[in-house]
Every structure is written in C-alpha cells, then in structure tokens.
PDB file of N, CA and C in Angstrom:
ATOM      1  N   MET A   1      30.991 130.064 164.462  1.00  0.00           N
ATOM      2  CA  MET A   1      29.591 130.460 164.474  1.00  0.00           C
ATOM      3  C   MET A   1      28.855 129.701 163.380  1.00  0.00           C
ATOM      4  N   THR A   2      27.710 129.123 163.688  1.00  0.00           N
ATOM      5  CA  THR A   2      26.924 128.401 162.702  1.00  0.00           C
ATOM      6  C   THR A   2      25.564 129.056 162.554  1.00  0.00           C
ATOM      7  N   ASP A   3      24.923 128.752 161.443  1.00  0.00           N
ATOM      8  CA  ASP A   3      23.593 129.299 161.222  1.00  0.00           C
ATOM      9  C   ASP A   3      22.498 128.311 161.600  1.00  0.00           C
ATOM     10  N   GLY A   4      22.863 127.199 162.238  1.00  0.00           N
ATOM     11  CA  GLY A   4      21.897 126.221 162.682  1.00  0.00           C
ATOM     12  C   GLY A   4      21.554 125.173 161.643  1.00  0.00           C
ATOM     13  N   LEU A   5      22.200 125.204 160.484  1.00  0.00           N
ATOM     14  CA  LEU A   5      21.943 124.211 159.456  1.00  0.00           C
ATOM     15  C   LEU A   5      22.775 122.965 159.705  1.00  0.00           C
ATOM     16  N   GLY A   6      22.148 121.800 159.560  1.00  0.00           N
ATOM     17  CA  GLY A   6      22.888 120.548 159.631  1.00  0.00           C
ATOM     18  C   GLY A   6      23.441 120.223 158.252  1.00  0.00           C
ATOM     19  N   LEU A   7      24.195 119.145 158.182  1.00  0.00           N
ATOM     20  CA  LEU A   7      24.793 118.734 156.914  1.00  0.00           C
ATOM     21  C   LEU A   7      23.721 118.443 155.870  1.00  0.00           C
ATOM     22  N   GLY A   8      22.655 117.761 156.273  1.00  0.00           N
ATOM     23  CA  GLY A   8      21.557 117.461 155.350  1.00  0.00           C
ATOM     24  C   GLY A   8      20.894 118.720 154.833  1.00  0.00           C
ATOM     25  N   ASP A   9      20.717 119.708 155.721  1.00  0.00           N
ATOM     26  CA  ASP A   9      20.126 120.986 155.313  1.00  0.00           C
ATOM     27  C   ASP A   9      21.020 121.719 154.323  1.00  0.00           C
ATOM     28  N   ALA A  10      22.323 121.681 154.582  1.00  0.00           N
ATOM     29  CA  ALA A  10      23.268 122.347 153.682  1.00  0.00           C
ATOM     30  C   ALA A  10      23.261 121.666 152.312  1.00  0.00           C
ATOM     31  N   TYR A  11      23.193 120.328 152.309  1.00  0.00           N
ATOM     32  CA  TYR A  11      23.147 119.564 151.062  1.00  0.00           C
ATOM     33  C   TYR A  11      21.878 119.912 150.284  1.00  0.00           C
ATOM     34  N   ASP A  12      20.732 119.921 150.971  1.00  0.00           N
ATOM     35  CA  ASP A  12      19.464 120.260 150.323  1.00  0.00           C
ATOM     36  C   ASP A  12      19.472 121.686 149.774  1.00  0.00           C
ATOM     37  N   ALA A  13      20.032 122.614 150.536  1.00  0.00           N
ATOM     38  CA  ALA A  13      20.112 123.999 150.085  1.00  0.00           C
ATOM     39  C   ALA A  13      21.003 124.123 148.850  1.00  0.00           C
ATOM     40  N   THR A  14      22.107 123.385 148.847  1.00  0.00           N
ATOM     41  CA  THR A  14      23.016 123.404 147.702  1.00  0.00           C
ATOM     42  C   THR A  14      22.331 122.832 146.466  1.00  0.00           C
ATOM     43  N   LEU A  15      21.640 121.705 146.613  1.00  0.00           N
ATOM     44  CA  LEU A  15      20.912 121.119 145.486  1.00  0.00           C
ATOM     45  C   LEU A  15      19.844 122.070 144.961  1.00  0.00           C
ATOM     46  N   GLY A  16      19.124 122.696 145.856  1.00  0.00           N
ATOM     47  CA  GLY A  16      18.103 123.665 145.444  1.00  0.00           C
ATOM     48  C   GLY A  16      18.698 124.825 144.672  1.00  0.00           C
ATOM     49  N   TRP A  17      19.817 125.328 145.132  1.00  0.00           N
ATOM     50  CA  TRP A  17      20.483 126.434 144.449  1.00  0.00           C
ATOM     51  C   TRP A  17      20.940 125.993 143.063  1.00  0.00           C
ATOM     52  N   MET A  18      21.525 124.798 142.972  1.00  0.00           N
ATOM     53  CA  MET A  18      22.025 124.306 141.685  1.00  0.00           C
ATOM     54  C   MET A  18      20.879 124.122 140.693  1.00  0.00           C
ATOM     55  N   LYS A  19      19.769 123.539 141.142  1.00  0.00           N
ATOM     56  CA  LYS A  19      18.625 123.330 140.257  1.00  0.00           C
ATOM     57  C   LYS A  19      18.061 124.656 139.753  1.00  0.00           C
ATOM     58  N   GLY A  20      18.204 125.700 140.534  1.00  0.00           N
ATOM     59  CA  GLY A  20      17.745 127.026 140.130  1.00  0.00           C
ATOM     60  C   GLY A  20      18.607 127.668 139.053  1.00  0.00           C
ATOM     61  N   GLN A  21      19.798 127.146 138.818  1.00  0.00           N
ATOM     62  CA  GLN A  21      20.701 127.708 137.808  1.00  0.00           C
ATOM     63  C   GLN A  21      20.241 127.371 136.392  1.00  0.00           C
ATOM     64  N   GLY A  22      19.619 126.228 136.216  1.00  0.00           N
ATOM     65  CA  GLY A  22      19.082 125.817 134.929  1.00  0.00           C
ATOM     66  C   GLY A  22      20.131 125.329 133.945  1.00  0.00           C
ATOM     67  N   GLY A  23      19.643 124.685 132.896  1.00  0.00           N
ATOM     68  CA  GLY A  23      20.493 124.224 131.798  1.00  0.00           C
ATOM     69  C   GLY A  23      21.573 123.250 132.216  1.00  0.00           C
ATOM     70  N   GLY A  24      22.702 123.325 131.511  1.00  0.00           N
ATOM     71  CA  GLY A  24      23.828 122.437 131.752  1.00  0.00           C
ATOM     72  C   GLY A  24      24.488 122.654 133.096  1.00  0.00           C
ATOM     73  N   LYS A  25      24.228 123.785 133.711  1.00  0.00           N
ATOM     74  CA  LYS A  25      24.831 124.055 135.015  1.00  0.00           C
ATOM     75  C   LYS A  25      24.299 123.104 136.082  1.00  0.00           C
ATOM     76  N   VAL A  26      23.064 122.647 135.927  1.00  0.00           N
ATOM     77  CA  VAL A  26      22.494 121.699 136.879  1.00  0.00           C
ATOM     78  C   VAL A  26      23.270 120.386 136.812  1.00  0.00           C
ATOM     79  N   ARG A  27      23.467 119.866 135.608  1.00  0.00           N
ATOM     80  CA  ARG A  27      24.192 118.613 135.418  1.00  0.00           C
ATOM     81  C   ARG A  27      25.610 118.734 135.946  1.00  0.00           C
ATOM     82  N   LEU A  28      26.270 119.814 135.631  1.00  0.00           N
ATOM     83  CA  LEU A  28      27.640 120.029 136.085  1.00  0.00           C
ATOM     84  C   LEU A  28      27.704 120.139 137.603  1.00  0.00           C
ATOM     85  N   GLY A  29      26.776 120.854 138.190  1.00  0.00           N
ATOM     86  CA  GLY A  29      26.757 121.014 139.639  1.00  0.00           C
ATOM     87  C   GLY A  29      26.530 119.699 140.368  1.00  0.00           C
ATOM     88  N   ILE A  30      25.578 118.917 139.881  1.00  0.00           N
ATOM     89  CA  ILE A  30      25.291 117.632 140.514  1.00  0.00           C
ATOM     90  C   ILE A  30      26.453 116.670 140.320  1.00  0.00           C
ATOM     91  N   ALA A  31      27.052 116.659 139.122  1.00  0.00           N
ATOM     92  CA  ALA A  31      28.219 115.801 138.887  1.00  0.00           C
ATOM     93  C   ALA A  31      29.356 116.174 139.822  1.00  0.00           C
ATOM     94  N   THR A  32      29.588 117.462 139.996  1.00  0.00           N
ATOM     95  CA  THR A  32      30.650 117.941 140.880  1.00  0.00           C
ATOM     96  C   THR A  32      30.382 117.517 142.318  1.00  0.00           C
ATOM     97  N   LEU A  33      29.152 117.695 142.764  1.00  0.00           N
ATOM     98  CA  LEU A  33      28.786 117.306 144.119  1.00  0.00           C
ATOM     99  C   LEU A  33      28.959 115.802 144.320  1.00  0.00           C
ATOM    100  N   MET A  34      28.607 115.012 143.313  1.00  0.00           N
ATOM    101  CA  MET A  34      28.773 113.557 143.406  1.00  0.00           C
ATOM    102  C   MET A  34      30.254 113.196 143.507  1.00  0.00           C
ATOM    103  N   TRP A  35      31.093 113.811 142.694  1.00  0.00           N
ATOM    104  CA  TRP A  35      32.524 113.507 142.752  1.00  0.00           C
ATOM    105  C   TRP A  35      33.090 113.871 144.121  1.00  0.00           C
ATOM    106  N   ILE A  36      32.714 115.018 144.630  1.00  0.00           N
ATOM    107  CA  ILE A  36      33.234 115.465 145.925  1.00  0.00           C
ATOM    108  C   ILE A  36      32.780 114.532 147.049  1.00  0.00           C
ATOM    109  N   SER A  37      31.522 114.115 147.006  1.00  0.00           N
ATOM    110  CA  SER A  37      30.982 113.315 148.111  1.00  0.00           C
ATOM    111  C   SER A  37      31.403 111.849 148.063  1.00  0.00           C
ATOM    112  N   HIS A  38      31.930 111.370 146.939  1.00  0.00           N
ATOM    113  CA  HIS A  38      32.305 109.964 146.822  1.00  0.00           C
ATOM    114  C   HIS A  38      33.815 109.720 146.776  1.00  0.00           C
ATOM    115  N   THR A  39      34.604 110.722 147.021  1.00  0.00           N
ATOM    116  CA  THR A  39      36.049 110.536 146.978  1.00  0.00           C
ATOM    117  C   THR A  39      36.569 109.963 148.295  1.00  0.00           C
ATOM    118  N   GLU A  40      37.668 109.246 148.190  1.00  0.00           N
ATOM    119  CA  GLU A  40      38.311 108.713 149.389  1.00  0.00           C
ATOM    120  C   GLU A  40      39.212 109.755 150.044  1.00  0.00           C
ATOM    121  N   ARG A  41      39.618 110.743 149.265  1.00  0.00           N
ATOM    122  CA  ARG A  41      40.448 111.835 149.789  1.00  0.00           C
ATOM    123  C   ARG A  41      39.983 113.121 149.114  1.00  0.00           C
ATOM    124  N   SER A  42      40.403 114.230 149.627  1.00  0.00           N
ATOM    125  CA  SER A  42      40.055 115.508 149.017  1.00  0.00           C
ATOM    126  C   SER A  42      40.671 115.608 147.634  1.00  0.00           C
ATOM    127  N   LEU A  43      39.860 116.059 146.682  1.00  0.00           N
ATOM    128  CA  LEU A  43      40.373 116.232 145.328  1.00  0.00           C
ATOM    129  C   LEU A  43      41.022 117.595 145.177  1.00  0.00           C
ATOM    130  N   LYS A  44      42.074 117.627 144.390  1.00  0.00           N
ATOM    131  CA  LYS A  44      42.680 118.901 144.020  1.00  0.00           C
ATOM    132  C   LYS A  44      41.796 119.533 142.941  1.00  0.00           C
ATOM    133  N   TYR A  45      41.913 120.832 142.788  1.00  0.00           N
ATOM    134  CA  TYR A  45      41.077 121.560 141.838  1.00  0.00           C
ATOM    135  C   TYR A  45      41.176 120.975 140.428  1.00  0.00           C
ATOM    136  N   ASP A  46      42.397 120.711 139.956  1.00  0.00           N
ATOM    137  CA  ASP A  46      42.551 120.197 138.590  1.00  0.00           C
ATOM    138  C   ASP A  46      42.007 118.777 138.463  1.00  0.00           C
ATOM    139  N   GLU A  47      42.067 117.978 139.528  1.00  0.00           N
ATOM    140  CA  GLU A  47      41.495 116.637 139.502  1.00  0.00           C
ATOM    141  C   GLU A  47      39.972 116.700 139.366  1.00  0.00           C
ATOM    142  N   LEU A  48      39.359 117.615 140.091  1.00  0.00           N
ATOM    143  CA  LEU A  48      37.911 117.782 140.006  1.00  0.00           C
ATOM    144  C   LEU A  48      37.501 118.269 138.620  1.00  0.00           C
ATOM    145  N   CYS A  49      38.267 119.180 138.060  1.00  0.00           N
ATOM    146  CA  CYS A  49      37.977 119.682 136.704  1.00  0.00           C
ATOM    147  C   CYS A  49      38.026 118.547 135.687  1.00  0.00           C
ATOM    148  N   HIS A  50      39.021 117.687 135.799  1.00  0.00           N
ATOM    149  CA  HIS A  50      39.123 116.547 134.892  1.00  0.00           C
ATOM    150  C   HIS A  50      37.959 115.575 135.097  1.00  0.00           C
ATOM    151  N   ALA A  51      37.588 115.351 136.342  1.00  0.00           N
ATOM    152  CA  ALA A  51      36.514 114.402 136.649  1.00  0.00           C
ATOM    153  C   ALA A  51      35.193 114.837 136.036  1.00  0.00           C
ATOM    154  N   VAL A  52      34.841 116.102 136.156  1.00  0.00           N
ATOM    155  CA  VAL A  52      33.542 116.549 135.637  1.00  0.00           C
ATOM    156  C   VAL A  52      33.572 116.782 134.132  1.00  0.00           C
ATOM    157  N   ALA A  53      34.755 116.811 133.533  1.00  0.00           N
ATOM    158  CA  ALA A  53      34.855 116.998 132.086  1.00  0.00           C
ATOM    159  C   ALA A  53      34.627 115.700 131.322  1.00  0.00           C
ATOM    160  N   VAL A  54      34.748 114.570 132.000  1.00  0.00           N
ATOM    161  CA  VAL A  54      34.579 113.274 131.345  1.00  0.00           C
ATOM    162  C   VAL A  54      33.103 113.030 131.079  1.00  0.00           C
ATOM    163  N   GLU A  55      32.794 112.598 129.865  1.00  0.00           N
ATOM    164  CA  GLU A  55      31.425 112.242 129.520  1.00  0.00           C
ATOM    165  C   GLU A  55      31.355 110.736 129.342  1.00  0.00           C
ATOM    166  N   ILE A  56      30.454 110.112 130.083  1.00  0.00           N
ATOM    167  CA  ILE A  56      30.292 108.673 130.045  1.00  0.00           C
ATOM    168  C   ILE A  56      29.497 108.280 128.794  1.00  0.00           C
ATOM    169  N   GLY A  57      29.933 107.233 128.160  1.00  0.00           N
ATOM    170  CA  GLY A  57      29.220 106.730 126.978  1.00  0.00           C
ATOM    171  C   GLY A  57      30.211 106.412 125.882  1.00  0.00           C
ATOM    172  N   PRO A  58      29.705 105.826 124.811  1.00  0.00           N
ATOM    173  CA  PRO A  58      30.598 105.475 123.721  1.00  0.00           C
ATOM    174  C   PRO A  58      31.137 106.727 123.016  1.00  0.00           C
ATOM    175  N   PRO A  59      32.397 106.708 122.645  1.00  0.00           N
ATOM    176  CA  PRO A  59      32.922 107.872 121.933  1.00  0.00           C
ATOM    177  C   PRO A  59      32.288 107.946 120.549  1.00  0.00           C
ATOM    178  N   SER A  60      32.117 109.152 120.067  1.00  0.00           N
ATOM    179  CA  SER A  60      31.544 109.315 118.731  1.00  0.00           C
ATOM    180  C   SER A  60      32.599 109.977 117.832  1.00  0.00           C
ATOM    181  N   LEU A  61      32.571 109.601 116.581  1.00  0.00           N
ATOM    182  CA  LEU A  61      33.520 110.126 115.621  1.00  0.00           C
ATOM    183  C   LEU A  61      32.740 110.800 114.511  1.00  0.00           C
ATOM    184  N   ASN A  62      32.991 112.050 114.309  1.00  0.00           N
ATOM    185  CA  ASN A  62      32.331 112.788 113.237  1.00  0.00           C
ATOM    186  C   ASN A  62      33.163 112.640 111.975  1.00  0.00           C
ATOM    187  N   THR A  63      32.709 111.828 111.053  1.00  0.00           N
ATOM    188  CA  THR A  63      33.467 111.573 109.827  1.00  0.00           C
ATOM    189  C   THR A  63      33.024 112.466 108.679  1.00  0.00           C
ATOM    190  N   GLY A  64      32.064 113.308 108.913  1.00  0.00           N
ATOM    191  CA  GLY A  64      31.515 114.124 107.819  1.00  0.00           C
ATOM    192  C   GLY A  64      31.993 115.468 107.886  1.00  0.00           C
TER     193      GLY A  64
END
C-alpha cells in the first residue's frame, strides 16, 4: 500500500522534516542522506555512523 508519494516527494518531505529539526541535526541529517544516496551498495549501520562522524578540513591541534 502506498500513500501516492513518488521518490522525489519522499525526498522533499524528508529534507523538509530535517530542516525543521534545527541546529546541528540539519547538517547531520543532510550528510546522512548524502552518504546513503551516493553509495554503491547499502551501508551497514556502523559504516554510516563512521561516515557522518568524519569532519572534512584540516585537523586542528589544541596546544594550549
């Protein structure tokens, strides 16, 4: 049974819901959706957790 939503509608609804969460949850939600939609195979839960935990950019060292 379907509710009549196409894939694009489901994607838009998901993005709208994520943006409504606010704060860092938006970034995490969009990053997660990007990882899921660009994989060549289904990711395992722990693989997805590792993927969204990575922060892109130069590493910083707090020496103080």
